[in-house]
Amino acid sequence: MDALLRDHLLTLVVFVPAAGAALLLLFPRSAPAAARNVALAVSILDLALSLPLWTRFSVASEGFQFREKVDWIPQLGISYSVGLDGISLLLVLLTTVLTPVALLFSLSHVEKEVRGYSVAFLVLETGMLGSLVALDLALFYVFWEVMLVPMYFIIGIWGGPRRIYASMKFFLFTMAGSLLMFLAILFLAIRYHAVTGVWSFALDDLYRMTFTGRTETLLFLAFALAFAIKVPVFPLHTWLPDAHTEAPTAGSIILAGVLLKLGVYGYLRFALPLFPDAAMRYAPWLGVLGVIGVVYGALVAYAQHDMKRLVAYSSVSHLGLVVIGVGAFTTMSLSGSILQMINHGLSTGALFLLVGVLYERRHTRELDAYGGVAAVVPVTTALFLIATLSSIGLPGLNGFVGEFTILLGTWLSPHRWWTYAAATGVILSAIYMLTLVQRVFWNPFAHEENRELTDVRPSEFIAASVLVVLMVWVGTRPNDLLDRIRPAVETLQKNVASKQIASVKP
């Protein structure tokens, strides 16, 4: 057992949820309680297995750790190759934390086809984890597509009244980008075979290839578009509010907490290091789209009357800030963007969870249906306020560290004006989020039916409290995360610089 954990820990973390999903298929549909409990137990087991990734991770080492490689389809050069660096480490742990949080919330809120719901979440977890650790482009694409199917069903079967429309829109947007990326992956493998005489999809091999001119631009745009849709970058964001609004609460937690981050992760892991010249050439455009996303998302969020749509548009704004940090490409801005992805997953996941708590009691998310409920549900109010303060970047909580690092790192870049626009978005976020809290919890009491609201259940309280504790931890000890991020960021910058030099012809 010790050897298994030592040599195959990453594989266990990736596939334990899939094994749990296969086990659930043996359960009868008439046993929903057993399916719920098994799915939650499997996700908690996976969280426990992932913790040694944090404790055993060497901060001083560069490159990928916990590597495993086995030939999968050797005739085509496709291998099962996985590994972790500081960037993927934090996102893997975010995934293994948010999945049991989402399933814990679902214990008392999902009644339809519980077994299928539980299977979908566990398969989704394997897809997300596999995408974050894959070091072979073919393997990455398989896991990338595995994520799409269960989320499509989670929205389409367990979502709201317009769930079919939202799930189809989510599927079509994501699939369009994925197909372009797939064609680019095939081109890379074919070009590598033409140059070397062997097939390979391994990143170690493909990173050594250089492209110039129109070829590099087209390949970069194919990858970048797929990842921009997933983020989503303005103006490719239109699927997100509908998906969030119609998804069940647990689906929104995972969608905001993890799936959106895979767009930025994919850009950093694949599009940027594979095609650095094109990436640097288009970086100003990426930053401008991030600036538009920050301001546009904030303004549209302020105009919303539905709590869930408000939080959904806030994600467009917050992830626009992350995109700005990536476009600035300084060590500080990149580190801040990666940290802010974790922060956004915690704070926005908590906000969606607590909006779900209110919705399950009141069966409406309209702001005008509430007012003055702080005296009725004080614990819910306290948790919601902490998540809100985290989201708007209160010092001492996690959001402040990420936002400040991005802004400072962007200020040190050649694109200093982005900082002003990004700071405007930060101010606007405080306006619309504090307005939300005021209207829901402290406005005059206007609806007598709100006196019947009940406070958080124990399962909901535990799920939200886990996220609150992590918000405080990251806010007070950010270097625990930044120390693990920094070597990976510096390695990325070195690889991009060296590849740019190599591509310059004398």
Protein backbone atom coordinates (compact mmCIF):
# COMPACT_ATOMS: atom_id res chain seq x y z
CA MET A 1 0.00 0.00 0.00
CA ASP A 2 2.83 2.44 0.82
CA ALA A 3 4.42 1.78 -2.56
CA LEU A 4 1.07 2.32 -4.29
CA LEU A 5 0.59 5.66 -2.57
CA ARG A 6 4.19 6.68 -3.24
CA ASP A 7 4.40 5.71 -6.91
CA HIS A 8 0.81 6.13 -8.11
CA LEU A 9 -0.68 8.78 -5.85
CA LEU A 10 -1.68 11.06 -8.71
CA THR A 11 -3.40 8.24 -10.58
CA LEU A 12 -5.35 7.31 -7.46
CA VAL A 13 -6.49 10.90 -6.99
CA VAL A 14 -7.66 11.10 -10.60
CA PHE A 15 -9.46 7.76 -10.85
CA VAL A 16 -10.91 7.12 -7.38
CA PRO A 17 -14.00 9.23 -8.29
CA ALA A 18 -14.46 7.26 -11.53
CA ALA A 19 -14.19 4.02 -9.56
CA GLY A 20 -16.81 5.34 -7.16
CA ALA A 21 -19.08 6.18 -10.10
CA ALA A 22 -18.70 2.64 -11.45
CA LEU A 23 -19.57 1.28 -7.99
CA LEU A 24 -22.70 3.42 -7.85
CA LEU A 25 -23.95 1.86 -11.08
CA LEU A 26 -24.39 -1.36 -9.11
CA PHE A 27 -26.76 0.37 -6.69
CA PRO A 28 -30.52 0.18 -7.35
CA ARG A 29 -32.28 3.42 -8.27
CA SER A 30 -34.58 2.83 -5.33
CA ALA A 31 -31.77 3.51 -2.85
CA PRO A 32 -31.13 7.28 -3.21
CA ALA A 33 -29.80 7.72 0.34
CA ALA A 34 -27.14 5.07 -0.21
CA ALA A 35 -26.10 6.68 -3.52
CA ARG A 36 -25.79 10.10 -1.87
CA ASN A 37 -23.74 8.79 1.00
CA VAL A 38 -21.41 6.69 -1.15
CA ALA A 39 -20.77 9.58 -3.55
CA LEU A 40 -19.98 11.91 -0.65
CA ALA A 41 -17.73 9.30 0.99
CA VAL A 42 -15.83 8.74 -2.27
CA SER A 43 -15.29 12.50 -2.75
CA ILE A 44 -14.05 12.86 0.84
CA LEU A 45 -11.71 9.88 0.32
CA ASP A 46 -10.35 11.58 -2.79
CA LEU A 47 -9.81 14.78 -0.81
CA ALA A 48 -7.88 12.80 1.81
CA LEU A 49 -5.75 11.19 -0.91
CA SER A 50 -4.97 14.58 -2.44
CA LEU A 51 -3.66 16.13 0.79
CA PRO A 52 -0.24 14.36 0.53
CA LEU A 53 0.19 16.15 -2.79
CA TRP A 54 0.38 19.34 -0.75
CA THR A 55 2.55 18.01 2.06
CA ARG A 56 5.00 16.15 -0.20
CA PHE A 57 5.28 18.86 -2.83
CA SER A 58 8.80 20.29 -2.96
CA VAL A 59 8.73 24.08 -3.10
CA ALA A 60 12.41 24.18 -4.08
CA SER A 61 12.02 21.93 -7.13
CA GLU A 62 11.29 23.17 -10.61
CA GLY A 63 9.35 21.22 -13.17
CA PHE A 64 6.71 18.57 -12.66
CA GLN A 65 6.46 16.31 -9.63
CA PHE A 66 4.61 13.04 -8.90
CA ARG A 67 5.20 12.09 -12.54
CA GLU A 68 3.87 8.84 -13.97
CA LYS A 69 4.16 7.66 -17.55
CA VAL A 70 2.86 4.51 -19.23
CA ASP A 71 2.51 3.84 -22.97
CA TRP A 72 -1.17 3.93 -23.88
CA ILE A 73 -1.29 3.76 -27.70
CA PRO A 74 2.42 3.42 -28.57
CA GLN A 75 1.76 3.16 -32.33
CA LEU A 76 0.59 6.79 -32.25
CA GLY A 77 2.93 7.97 -29.51
CA ILE A 78 0.07 8.50 -27.05
CA SER A 79 0.93 7.88 -23.41
CA TYR A 80 -0.69 8.11 -20.02
CA SER A 81 1.61 10.84 -18.75
CA VAL A 82 0.68 12.90 -15.68
CA GLY A 83 2.44 15.28 -13.30
CA LEU A 84 2.02 18.34 -11.11
CA ASP A 85 3.62 21.73 -10.79
CA GLY A 86 2.61 24.56 -8.48
CA ILE A 87 -0.12 25.79 -10.83
CA SER A 88 -1.90 22.48 -11.24
CA LEU A 89 -1.33 21.50 -7.60
CA LEU A 90 -3.54 24.30 -6.29
CA LEU A 91 -6.26 23.68 -8.86
CA VAL A 92 -6.27 19.94 -8.11
CA LEU A 93 -6.73 20.66 -4.41
CA LEU A 94 -9.46 23.21 -5.18
CA THR A 95 -11.26 20.50 -7.17
CA THR A 96 -11.00 17.89 -4.42
CA VAL A 97 -12.30 20.42 -1.88
CA LEU A 98 -15.23 21.78 -3.89
CA THR A 99 -16.57 18.40 -5.02
CA PRO A 100 -17.42 17.10 -1.51
CA VAL A 101 -18.71 20.61 -0.63
CA ALA A 102 -21.10 20.44 -3.60
CA LEU A 103 -22.19 16.88 -2.80
CA LEU A 104 -22.65 17.75 0.88
CA PHE A 105 -25.01 20.56 -0.08
CA SER A 106 -26.87 18.15 -2.38
CA LEU A 107 -27.66 15.71 0.46
CA SER A 108 -30.95 17.41 1.26
CA HIS A 109 -31.72 19.15 -2.03
CA VAL A 110 -31.67 16.55 -4.82
CA GLU A 111 -34.51 14.05 -5.05
CA LYS A 112 -34.70 13.18 -8.77
CA GLU A 113 -32.49 10.37 -10.12
CA VAL A 114 -30.05 10.61 -7.21
CA ARG A 115 -27.87 7.76 -8.44
CA GLY A 116 -27.42 9.34 -11.88
CA TYR A 117 -26.72 12.71 -10.29
CA SER A 118 -24.04 11.23 -8.05
CA VAL A 119 -22.44 9.31 -10.93
CA ALA A 120 -22.33 12.48 -13.05
CA PHE A 121 -20.54 14.44 -10.32
CA LEU A 122 -17.91 11.76 -9.74
CA VAL A 123 -17.21 11.33 -13.46
CA LEU A 124 -16.98 15.12 -13.73
CA GLU A 125 -14.42 15.17 -10.93
CA THR A 126 -12.24 12.63 -12.74
CA GLY A 127 -12.47 14.68 -15.94
CA MET A 128 -11.43 17.88 -14.16
CA LEU A 129 -8.56 16.26 -12.28
CA GLY A 130 -7.29 14.46 -15.36
CA SER A 131 -7.28 17.69 -17.38
CA LEU A 132 -5.22 19.38 -14.69
CA VAL A 133 -2.48 16.74 -14.53
CA ALA A 134 -2.25 15.47 -18.13
CA LEU A 135 1.16 15.98 -19.74
CA ASP A 136 0.16 14.39 -23.05
CA LEU A 137 -2.02 16.45 -25.39
CA ALA A 138 -4.11 13.47 -26.52
CA LEU A 139 -4.71 12.46 -22.90
CA PHE A 140 -5.58 16.06 -22.03
CA TYR A 141 -8.14 16.20 -24.82
CA VAL A 142 -9.80 12.99 -23.63
CA PHE A 143 -10.20 14.35 -20.10
CA TRP A 144 -11.28 17.75 -21.48
CA GLU A 145 -14.16 16.09 -23.33
CA VAL A 146 -15.00 13.86 -20.35
CA MET A 147 -15.77 17.04 -18.38
CA LEU A 148 -18.25 18.24 -20.96
CA VAL A 149 -20.68 15.31 -20.87
CA PRO A 150 -21.55 15.08 -17.15
CA MET A 151 -21.92 18.88 -16.79
CA TYR A 152 -24.25 18.86 -19.81
CA PHE A 153 -26.45 16.30 -18.05
CA ILE A 154 -26.20 18.00 -14.65
CA ILE A 155 -27.61 21.19 -16.17
CA GLY A 156 -30.01 19.48 -18.58
CA ILE A 157 -31.61 17.02 -16.14
CA TRP A 158 -31.35 18.65 -12.70
CA GLY A 159 -31.46 22.30 -13.74
CA GLY A 160 -34.17 24.95 -13.79
CA PRO A 161 -37.08 25.62 -16.17
CA ARG A 162 -34.84 26.63 -19.12
CA ARG A 163 -32.32 23.87 -18.47
CA ILE A 164 -32.44 22.36 -21.99
CA TYR A 165 -31.64 25.69 -23.62
CA ALA A 166 -28.84 26.41 -21.15
CA SER A 167 -27.28 22.95 -21.42
CA MET A 168 -27.34 22.99 -25.22
CA LYS A 169 -25.80 26.47 -25.30
CA PHE A 170 -23.08 25.33 -22.89
CA PHE A 171 -22.44 22.20 -24.97
CA LEU A 172 -22.32 23.94 -28.36
CA PHE A 173 -20.03 26.77 -27.24
CA THR A 174 -17.60 24.39 -25.55
CA MET A 175 -17.67 21.82 -28.33
CA ALA A 176 -16.99 24.43 -31.03
CA GLY A 177 -13.80 25.50 -29.28
CA SER A 178 -12.82 21.92 -28.51
CA LEU A 179 -13.02 20.84 -32.15
CA LEU A 180 -10.67 23.64 -33.22
CA MET A 181 -8.24 22.63 -30.50
CA PHE A 182 -8.48 18.99 -31.59
CA LEU A 183 -7.50 19.90 -35.17
CA ALA A 184 -4.55 21.92 -33.84
CA ILE A 185 -3.43 18.98 -31.67
CA LEU A 186 -3.52 16.67 -34.70
CA PHE A 187 -1.49 19.16 -36.72
CA LEU A 188 1.15 19.34 -33.98
CA ALA A 189 1.48 15.55 -33.88
CA ILE A 190 1.67 15.30 -37.67
CA ARG A 191 4.32 18.02 -37.85
CA TYR A 192 6.35 16.34 -35.10
CA HIS A 193 6.17 13.05 -37.03
CA ALA A 194 7.24 14.78 -40.24
CA VAL A 195 10.29 16.28 -38.52
CA THR A 196 11.40 13.35 -36.34
CA GLY A 197 9.86 10.29 -37.96
CA VAL A 198 8.05 9.26 -34.76
CA TRP A 199 4.64 10.04 -33.34
CA SER A 200 4.30 11.90 -30.06
CA PHE A 201 1.71 13.95 -28.20
CA ALA A 202 3.93 14.43 -25.14
CA LEU A 203 4.42 18.00 -23.99
CA ASP A 204 8.12 17.40 -23.37
CA ASP A 205 8.48 16.72 -27.10
CA LEU A 206 6.05 19.29 -28.47
CA TYR A 207 7.48 22.10 -26.32
CA ARG A 208 10.73 21.76 -28.32
CA MET A 209 9.02 22.52 -31.63
CA THR A 210 9.02 26.05 -33.03
CA PHE A 211 6.65 27.62 -35.53
CA THR A 212 6.70 30.94 -37.30
CA GLY A 213 4.36 33.23 -39.16
CA ARG A 214 0.82 32.27 -40.09
CA THR A 215 1.20 28.64 -38.95
CA GLU A 216 1.96 29.63 -35.36
CA THR A 217 -0.78 32.26 -35.37
CA LEU A 218 -3.45 29.82 -36.54
CA LEU A 219 -2.39 27.12 -34.07
CA PHE A 220 -2.31 29.63 -31.23
CA LEU A 221 -5.75 30.99 -32.08
CA ALA A 222 -7.21 27.49 -32.21
CA PHE A 223 -5.99 26.73 -28.69
CA ALA A 224 -6.67 30.21 -27.35
CA LEU A 225 -10.26 30.26 -28.62
CA ALA A 226 -11.07 26.94 -26.94
CA PHE A 227 -9.70 28.21 -23.64
CA ALA A 228 -11.26 31.69 -24.02
CA ILE A 229 -14.71 30.10 -24.37
CA LYS A 230 -14.16 28.11 -21.20
CA VAL A 231 -13.01 31.12 -19.08
CA PRO A 232 -15.17 32.79 -20.62
CA VAL A 233 -13.51 35.89 -22.10
CA PHE A 234 -15.73 38.71 -23.37
CA PRO A 235 -17.51 38.48 -25.87
CA LEU A 236 -17.60 34.66 -25.64
CA HIS A 237 -19.28 34.76 -22.23
CA THR A 238 -22.95 34.61 -23.22
CA TRP A 239 -23.37 30.92 -22.35
CA LEU A 240 -22.25 31.45 -18.76
CA PRO A 241 -25.16 33.39 -17.15
CA ASP A 242 -27.70 30.96 -18.61
CA ALA A 243 -25.70 27.92 -17.51
CA HIS A 244 -25.31 29.30 -13.98
CA THR A 245 -28.94 30.37 -13.68
CA GLU A 246 -30.37 27.03 -14.77
CA ALA A 247 -27.78 24.70 -13.19
CA PRO A 248 -28.54 23.18 -9.80
CA THR A 249 -26.68 24.85 -6.96
CA ALA A 250 -23.99 22.17 -6.76
CA GLY A 251 -23.48 22.44 -10.52
CA SER A 252 -22.96 26.20 -10.23
CA ILE A 253 -20.41 25.66 -7.44
CA ILE A 254 -18.32 23.35 -9.63
CA LEU A 255 -18.85 25.38 -12.81
CA ALA A 256 -17.66 28.62 -11.20
CA GLY A 257 -15.15 27.03 -8.87
CA VAL A 258 -13.26 24.75 -11.25
CA LEU A 259 -14.48 24.52 -14.84
CA LEU A 260 -13.98 28.19 -15.66
CA LYS A 261 -10.42 28.02 -14.30
CA LEU A 262 -9.51 25.31 -16.78
CA GLY A 263 -9.62 27.91 -19.54
CA VAL A 264 -6.88 29.99 -17.91
CA TYR A 265 -4.98 26.85 -16.91
CA GLY A 266 -5.09 25.50 -20.47
CA TYR A 267 -3.79 28.80 -21.81
CA LEU A 268 -0.86 28.79 -19.38
CA ARG A 269 -0.06 25.11 -19.84
CA PHE A 270 -0.48 24.77 -23.62
CA ALA A 271 -1.23 27.86 -25.73
CA LEU A 272 1.41 30.14 -24.17
CA PRO A 273 4.45 27.82 -24.01
CA LEU A 274 3.71 26.09 -27.33
CA PHE A 275 3.29 29.32 -29.30
CA PRO A 276 5.08 32.06 -27.34
CA ASP A 277 5.64 34.49 -30.22
CA ALA A 278 1.97 34.55 -31.15
CA ALA A 279 0.94 34.64 -27.50
CA MET A 280 3.13 37.67 -26.79
CA ARG A 281 1.96 39.36 -29.97
CA TYR A 282 -1.68 38.98 -28.99
CA ALA A 283 -1.14 39.67 -25.28
CA PRO A 284 -2.28 43.32 -25.59
CA TRP A 285 -5.54 42.17 -27.16
CA LEU A 286 -5.97 39.62 -24.40
CA GLY A 287 -5.49 42.35 -21.81
CA VAL A 288 -7.97 44.65 -23.53
CA LEU A 289 -10.60 41.89 -23.57
CA GLY A 290 -9.87 41.33 -19.88
CA VAL A 291 -10.39 45.04 -19.18
CA ILE A 292 -13.70 45.03 -21.07
CA GLY A 293 -14.77 41.90 -19.17
CA VAL A 294 -13.96 43.48 -15.81
CA VAL A 295 -15.99 46.64 -16.42
CA TYR A 296 -18.79 45.09 -18.49
CA GLY A 297 -19.30 42.19 -16.08
CA ALA A 298 -19.48 44.55 -13.12
CA LEU A 299 -21.98 46.91 -14.76
CA VAL A 300 -24.25 44.11 -15.92
CA ALA A 301 -24.04 42.43 -12.51
CA TYR A 302 -25.25 45.65 -10.87
CA ALA A 303 -28.29 45.67 -13.18
CA GLN A 304 -29.44 42.15 -12.25
CA HIS A 305 -32.53 41.36 -10.17
CA ASP A 306 -31.79 37.62 -9.91
CA MET A 307 -29.16 36.79 -7.27
CA LYS A 308 -27.72 33.91 -9.23
CA ARG A 309 -27.36 35.91 -12.44
CA LEU A 310 -25.72 38.68 -10.43
CA VAL A 311 -23.09 36.29 -9.07
CA ALA A 312 -22.70 34.76 -12.55
CA TYR A 313 -21.87 38.13 -14.12
CA SER A 314 -19.55 38.87 -11.22
CA SER A 315 -17.56 35.84 -12.42
CA VAL A 316 -17.18 37.46 -15.84
CA SER A 317 -15.75 40.54 -14.10
CA HIS A 318 -13.47 38.69 -11.67
CA LEU A 319 -12.08 36.38 -14.32
CA GLY A 320 -11.48 39.39 -16.55
CA LEU A 321 -9.08 40.53 -13.83
CA VAL A 322 -7.35 37.14 -13.99
CA VAL A 323 -7.02 37.51 -17.78
CA ILE A 324 -5.44 40.96 -17.32
CA GLY A 325 -2.80 39.44 -15.03
CA VAL A 326 -2.03 36.75 -17.61
CA GLY A 327 -1.76 39.33 -20.39
CA ALA A 328 0.62 41.49 -18.34
CA PHE A 329 2.92 38.44 -18.02
CA THR A 330 5.01 39.65 -15.11
CA THR A 331 5.98 37.19 -12.39
CA MET A 332 3.81 39.05 -9.91
CA SER A 333 0.75 39.39 -12.15
CA LEU A 334 0.89 35.74 -13.21
CA SER A 335 1.23 34.58 -9.61
CA GLY A 336 -1.67 36.83 -8.65
CA SER A 337 -3.85 35.46 -11.46
CA ILE A 338 -3.24 31.87 -10.40
CA LEU A 339 -3.91 32.72 -6.76
CA GLN A 340 -7.04 34.65 -7.73
CA MET A 341 -8.39 31.60 -9.56
CA ILE A 342 -8.27 29.75 -6.24
CA ASN A 343 -9.77 32.72 -4.41
CA HIS A 344 -12.61 33.04 -6.90
CA GLY A 345 -13.38 29.34 -6.59
CA LEU A 346 -13.72 29.66 -2.81
CA SER A 347 -15.67 32.92 -2.60
CA THR A 348 -17.96 32.44 -5.59
CA GLY A 349 -18.52 28.80 -4.69
CA ALA A 350 -19.66 29.94 -1.25
CA LEU A 351 -21.90 32.64 -2.74
CA PHE A 352 -23.62 30.17 -5.06
CA LEU A 353 -24.03 27.74 -2.16
CA LEU A 354 -25.67 30.37 0.06
CA VAL A 355 -27.89 31.68 -2.74
CA GLY A 356 -28.97 28.05 -3.08
CA VAL A 357 -29.77 27.92 0.64
CA LEU A 358 -32.11 30.91 0.30
CA TYR A 359 -33.66 29.59 -2.91
CA GLU A 360 -34.45 26.18 -1.43
CA ARG A 361 -36.44 27.92 1.34
CA ARG A 362 -38.11 30.69 -0.64
CA HIS A 363 -38.13 29.22 -4.18
CA THR A 364 -37.18 32.55 -5.71
CA ARG A 365 -33.92 34.36 -6.34
CA GLU A 366 -35.46 37.78 -7.03
CA LEU A 367 -33.89 40.48 -4.86
CA ASP A 368 -37.25 42.18 -4.31
CA ALA A 369 -38.62 38.98 -2.73
CA TYR A 370 -36.31 39.41 0.27
CA GLY A 371 -35.36 42.24 2.62
CA GLY A 372 -34.69 42.29 6.33
CA VAL A 373 -34.05 38.54 6.63
CA ALA A 374 -30.86 38.99 8.67
CA ALA A 375 -32.91 38.73 11.86
CA VAL A 376 -34.58 35.53 10.64
CA VAL A 377 -31.50 33.67 9.31
CA PRO A 378 -28.51 35.15 11.20
CA VAL A 379 -26.06 32.31 10.47
CA THR A 380 -26.81 32.39 6.75
CA THR A 381 -26.38 36.16 6.85
CA ALA A 382 -22.99 35.94 8.57
CA LEU A 383 -21.70 33.35 6.11
CA PHE A 384 -23.01 35.32 3.13
CA LEU A 385 -21.38 38.51 4.41
CA ILE A 386 -17.98 36.83 4.83
CA ALA A 387 -18.17 35.38 1.30
CA THR A 388 -19.16 38.82 -0.02
CA LEU A 389 -16.26 40.56 1.74
CA SER A 390 -13.93 37.91 0.34
CA SER A 391 -15.30 38.48 -3.16
CA ILE A 392 -14.78 42.26 -3.01
CA GLY A 393 -11.24 41.95 -1.65
CA LEU A 394 -11.41 42.93 2.02
CA PRO A 395 -7.89 42.88 3.56
CA GLY A 396 -7.46 39.81 5.74
CA LEU A 397 -9.48 37.61 3.38
CA ASN A 398 -8.26 35.77 0.31
CA GLY A 399 -9.65 38.05 -2.39
CA PHE A 400 -7.52 41.01 -1.34
CA VAL A 401 -4.20 39.22 -1.83
CA GLY A 402 -5.01 38.03 -5.33
CA GLU A 403 -6.42 41.35 -6.54
CA PHE A 404 -3.58 43.40 -5.05
CA THR A 405 -0.91 41.11 -6.56
CA ILE A 406 -2.51 41.29 -10.02
CA LEU A 407 -2.85 45.07 -9.89
CA LEU A 408 0.72 45.59 -8.68
CA GLY A 409 2.13 43.13 -11.21
CA THR A 410 0.18 44.78 -14.04
CA TRP A 411 1.40 48.21 -12.93
CA LEU A 412 4.97 46.95 -13.39
CA SER A 413 4.24 45.82 -16.96
CA PRO A 414 4.31 47.97 -20.12
CA HIS A 415 0.48 48.06 -20.02
CA ARG A 416 0.10 50.22 -16.95
CA TRP A 417 -3.24 51.68 -18.02
CA TRP A 418 -4.88 48.28 -17.57
CA THR A 419 -4.40 48.78 -13.84
CA TYR A 420 -6.72 51.79 -13.77
CA ALA A 421 -9.50 49.93 -15.56
CA ALA A 422 -9.02 46.84 -13.40
CA ALA A 423 -9.15 48.94 -10.24
CA THR A 424 -12.44 50.41 -11.47
CA GLY A 425 -13.84 46.90 -11.68
CA VAL A 426 -12.72 46.20 -8.12
CA ILE A 427 -14.60 49.30 -6.92
CA LEU A 428 -17.70 48.36 -8.90
CA SER A 429 -17.64 44.86 -7.40
CA ALA A 430 -17.92 46.37 -3.94
CA ILE A 431 -20.92 48.42 -5.09
CA TYR A 432 -22.97 45.60 -6.60
CA MET A 433 -22.09 42.99 -3.97
CA LEU A 434 -22.80 45.26 -0.98
CA THR A 435 -26.02 46.37 -2.66
CA LEU A 436 -27.00 42.70 -2.95
CA VAL A 437 -26.34 42.11 0.75
CA GLN A 438 -28.21 45.27 1.73
CA ARG A 439 -31.30 44.47 -0.34
CA VAL A 440 -31.53 40.84 0.74
CA PHE A 441 -30.59 40.97 4.41
CA TRP A 442 -31.01 44.51 5.79
CA ASN A 443 -33.58 46.39 3.74
CA PRO A 444 -36.96 46.94 5.46
CA PHE A 445 -38.88 43.74 6.09
CA ALA A 446 -41.42 43.61 3.22
CA HIS A 447 -42.71 40.03 2.91
CA GLU A 448 -44.35 38.20 5.80
CA GLU A 449 -43.59 34.79 4.26
CA ASN A 450 -39.89 35.45 4.92
CA ARG A 451 -40.56 35.05 8.64
CA GLU A 452 -40.90 31.32 7.93
CA LEU A 453 -37.38 31.00 6.53
CA THR A 454 -35.16 28.51 8.34
CA ASP A 455 -31.46 28.95 8.88
CA VAL A 456 -28.74 26.70 7.45
CA ARG A 457 -28.93 22.98 8.06
CA PRO A 458 -25.88 21.25 9.58
CA SER A 459 -24.77 19.87 6.19
CA GLU A 460 -25.07 23.30 4.57
CA PHE A 461 -23.24 24.94 7.46
CA ILE A 462 -20.33 22.50 7.25
CA ALA A 463 -20.07 22.94 3.48
CA ALA A 464 -20.03 26.74 3.72
CA SER A 465 -17.74 26.78 6.76
CA VAL A 466 -15.06 24.78 4.95
CA LEU A 467 -14.89 27.51 2.32
CA VAL A 468 -14.92 30.31 4.90
CA VAL A 469 -12.03 28.75 6.81
CA LEU A 470 -10.02 28.49 3.58
CA MET A 471 -10.80 32.14 2.74
CA VAL A 472 -9.35 33.24 6.07
CA TRP A 473 -6.34 30.92 5.77
CA VAL A 474 -5.39 32.16 2.30
CA GLY A 475 -6.02 35.76 3.35
CA THR A 476 -3.72 35.52 6.36
CA ARG A 477 -1.10 33.10 4.99
CA PRO A 478 -0.94 33.76 1.22
CA ASN A 479 2.72 32.77 0.99
CA ASP A 480 1.75 29.16 1.67
CA LEU A 481 0.26 29.24 -1.83
CA LEU A 482 2.48 31.82 -3.51
CA ASP A 483 5.63 29.87 -2.56
CA ARG A 484 4.30 26.92 -4.53
CA ILE A 485 3.15 29.03 -7.46
CA ARG A 486 6.28 31.11 -7.98
CA PRO A 487 8.71 28.39 -9.24
CA ALA A 488 6.17 27.21 -11.82
CA VAL A 489 5.59 30.79 -13.01
CA GLU A 490 9.31 31.50 -13.29
CA THR A 491 9.83 28.24 -15.19
CA LEU A 492 7.01 29.19 -17.57
CA GLN A 493 8.56 32.61 -18.21
CA LYS A 494 12.02 31.10 -18.79
CA ASN A 495 10.65 28.53 -21.24
CA VAL A 496 8.73 31.17 -23.17
CA ALA A 497 11.78 33.47 -23.32
CA SER A 498 14.16 30.70 -24.41
CA LYS A 499 11.75 29.49 -27.08
CA GLN A 500 11.32 33.02 -28.41
CA ILE A 501 15.10 33.34 -28.70
CA ALA A 502 15.35 29.95 -30.43
CA SER A 503 12.70 30.94 -32.97
CA VAL A 504 14.62 34.06 -34.05
CA LYS A 505 16.50 33.29 -37.23
CA PRO A 506 20.01 34.82 -37.60
